[in-house]
């Protein structure tokens, strides 16, 4: 059970790591230098997280981590758009 729990928890950590970067990316001009940093900086952080935990990149875990990465970026952007549309966004 531990072998299946660790990749799942690390995928959740990668998703959580990408939320603030997705939030930041949604407010930037597309293809600007900061936009590229907002997309690519969490890749290095996710690799470091996997390295610290000791999970090798394999064919079984790669799709899970890619999905967690994109889900975090997407949800962070949605959070920013939702917050910008709320009546008390400027408060």
C-alpha atoms as a PDB file:
ATOM      1  CA  UNK A   1       0.000   0.000   0.000  1.00  0.00           C
ATOM      2  CA  UNK A   2       2.850   2.396   0.766  1.00  0.00           C
ATOM      3  CA  UNK A   3       4.193   2.037  -2.773  1.00  0.00           C
ATOM      4  CA  UNK A   4       0.928   3.354  -4.252  1.00  0.00           C
ATOM      5  CA  UNK A   5       0.350   6.014  -1.607  1.00  0.00           C
ATOM      6  CA  UNK A   6       3.648   7.888  -2.031  1.00  0.00           C
ATOM      7  CA  UNK A   7       3.245   8.694  -5.768  1.00  0.00           C
ATOM      8  CA  UNK A   8      -0.327   9.834  -5.153  1.00  0.00           C
ATOM      9  CA  UNK A   9       0.677  12.101  -2.288  1.00  0.00           C
ATOM     10  CA  UNK A  10       3.568  13.512  -4.274  1.00  0.00           C
ATOM     11  CA  UNK A  11       1.160  14.193  -7.174  1.00  0.00           C
ATOM     12  CA  UNK A  12      -1.046  16.125  -4.756  1.00  0.00           C
ATOM     13  CA  UNK A  13       2.021  18.056  -3.602  1.00  0.00           C
ATOM     14  CA  UNK A  14       2.885  18.882  -7.228  1.00  0.00           C
ATOM     15  CA  UNK A  15      -0.684  20.042  -7.822  1.00  0.00           C
ATOM     16  CA  UNK A  16      -0.534  22.250  -4.707  1.00  0.00           C
ATOM     17  CA  UNK A  17       2.879  23.577  -5.764  1.00  0.00           C
ATOM     18  CA  UNK A  18       1.460  24.641  -9.141  1.00  0.00           C
ATOM     19  CA  UNK A  19      -1.590  26.473  -7.787  1.00  0.00           C
ATOM     20  CA  UNK A  20       0.219  29.737  -6.975  1.00  0.00           C
ATOM     21  CA  UNK A  21       2.177  29.596 -10.223  1.00  0.00           C
ATOM     22  CA  UNK A  22      -1.046  29.106 -12.197  1.00  0.00           C
ATOM     23  CA  UNK A  23      -2.606  31.992 -10.283  1.00  0.00           C
ATOM     24  CA  UNK A  24       0.366  34.172 -11.157  1.00  0.00           C
ATOM     25  CA  UNK A  25       0.484  33.014 -14.795  1.00  0.00           C
ATOM     26  CA  UNK A  26      -3.173  33.909 -15.372  1.00  0.00           C
ATOM     27  CA  UNK A  27      -2.411  37.571 -14.670  1.00  0.00           C
ATOM     28  CA  UNK A  28       0.537  37.829 -17.048  1.00  0.00           C
ATOM     29  CA  UNK A  29       0.777  38.689 -20.720  1.00  0.00           C
ATOM     30  CA  UNK A  30       1.032  35.508 -22.737  1.00  0.00           C
ATOM     31  CA  UNK A  31       4.553  34.506 -23.861  1.00  0.00           C
ATOM     32  CA  UNK A  32       6.211  37.216 -21.766  1.00  0.00           C
ATOM     33  CA  UNK A  33       9.373  36.244 -19.859  1.00  0.00           C
ATOM     34  CA  UNK A  34       7.478  36.164 -16.558  1.00  0.00           C
ATOM     35  CA  UNK A  35       4.835  33.916 -18.155  1.00  0.00           C
ATOM     36  CA  UNK A  36       7.545  31.419 -19.134  1.00  0.00           C
ATOM     37  CA  UNK A  37       8.953  31.516 -15.596  1.00  0.00           C
ATOM     38  CA  UNK A  38       5.485  30.897 -14.149  1.00  0.00           C
ATOM     39  CA  UNK A  39       5.188  27.773 -16.282  1.00  0.00           C
ATOM     40  CA  UNK A  40       8.719  26.381 -16.091  1.00  0.00           C
ATOM     41  CA  UNK A  41       9.881  27.190 -12.550  1.00  0.00           C
ATOM     42  CA  UNK A  42       7.525  24.659 -10.933  1.00  0.00           C
ATOM     43  CA  UNK A  43       8.940  21.956 -13.207  1.00  0.00           C
ATOM     44  CA  UNK A  44      12.315  22.269 -11.489  1.00  0.00           C
ATOM     45  CA  UNK A  45      10.627  22.372  -8.090  1.00  0.00           C
ATOM     46  CA  UNK A  46       8.583  19.253  -8.890  1.00  0.00           C
ATOM     47  CA  UNK A  47      11.696  17.402 -10.035  1.00  0.00           C
ATOM     48  CA  UNK A  48      13.450  18.430  -6.832  1.00  0.00           C
ATOM     49  CA  UNK A  49      10.486  17.258  -4.772  1.00  0.00           C
ATOM     50  CA  UNK A  50      10.529  13.870  -6.494  1.00  0.00           C
ATOM     51  CA  UNK A  51      14.294  13.642  -6.004  1.00  0.00           C
ATOM     52  CA  UNK A  52      14.035  14.437  -2.283  1.00  0.00           C
ATOM     53  CA  UNK A  53      11.255  11.888  -1.783  1.00  0.00           C
ATOM     54  CA  UNK A  54      13.182   9.325  -3.814  1.00  0.00           C
ATOM     55  CA  UNK A  55      10.608   8.542  -6.488  1.00  0.00           C
ATOM     56  CA  UNK A  56      12.189   7.689  -9.828  1.00  0.00           C
ATOM     57  CA  UNK A  57      10.478   8.853 -12.984  1.00  0.00           C
ATOM     58  CA  UNK A  58       8.833   5.865 -14.588  1.00  0.00           C
ATOM     59  CA  UNK A  59       6.225   5.190 -17.206  1.00  0.00           C
ATOM     60  CA  UNK A  60       3.652   4.565 -14.479  1.00  0.00           C
ATOM     61  CA  UNK A  61       4.205   7.827 -12.583  1.00  0.00           C
ATOM     62  CA  UNK A  62       4.980  10.202 -15.466  1.00  0.00           C
ATOM     63  CA  UNK A  63       1.348  10.672 -16.644  1.00  0.00           C
ATOM     64  CA  UNK A  64       0.239  11.171 -13.038  1.00  0.00           C
ATOM     65  CA  UNK A  65       2.759  13.961 -12.466  1.00  0.00           C
ATOM     66  CA  UNK A  66       2.065  15.640 -15.806  1.00  0.00           C
ATOM     67  CA  UNK A  67      -1.666  15.609 -15.025  1.00  0.00           C
ATOM     68  CA  UNK A  68      -1.012  17.037 -11.550  1.00  0.00           C
ATOM     69  CA  UNK A  69       1.178  19.769 -13.053  1.00  0.00           C
ATOM     70  CA  UNK A  70      -1.415  20.863 -15.606  1.00  0.00           C
ATOM     71  CA  UNK A  71      -4.285  20.566 -13.126  1.00  0.00           C
ATOM     72  CA  UNK A  72      -2.463  22.862 -10.697  1.00  0.00           C
ATOM     73  CA  UNK A  73      -1.775  25.426 -13.408  1.00  0.00           C
ATOM     74  CA  UNK A  74      -5.377  25.245 -14.649  1.00  0.00           C
ATOM     75  CA  UNK A  75      -6.961  25.450 -11.197  1.00  0.00           C
ATOM     76  CA  UNK A  76      -4.681  28.328 -10.188  1.00  0.00           C
ATOM     77  CA  UNK A  77      -5.754  30.255 -13.289  1.00  0.00           C
ATOM     78  CA  UNK A  78      -9.416  29.508 -12.594  1.00  0.00           C
ATOM     79  CA  UNK A  79      -8.963  30.730  -9.039  1.00  0.00           C
ATOM     80  CA  UNK A  80      -7.537  34.022 -10.295  1.00  0.00           C
ATOM     81  CA  UNK A  81     -10.345  34.529 -12.805  1.00  0.00           C
ATOM     82  CA  UNK A  82     -12.952  33.683 -10.183  1.00  0.00           C
ATOM     83  CA  UNK A  83     -11.357  36.081  -7.717  1.00  0.00           C
ATOM     84  CA  UNK A  84     -11.159  38.853 -10.313  1.00  0.00           C
ATOM     85  CA  UNK A  85     -14.878  38.480 -11.030  1.00  0.00           C
ATOM     86  CA  UNK A  86     -15.952  38.581  -7.382  1.00  0.00           C
ATOM     87  CA  UNK A  87     -17.457  41.844  -6.096  1.00  0.00           C
ATOM     88  CA  UNK A  88     -14.899  42.169  -3.276  1.00  0.00           C
ATOM     89  CA  UNK A  89     -11.813  41.357  -5.384  1.00  0.00           C
ATOM     90  CA  UNK A  90     -10.219  44.754  -4.866  1.00  0.00           C
ATOM     91  CA  UNK A  91     -10.614  44.708  -1.096  1.00  0.00           C
END
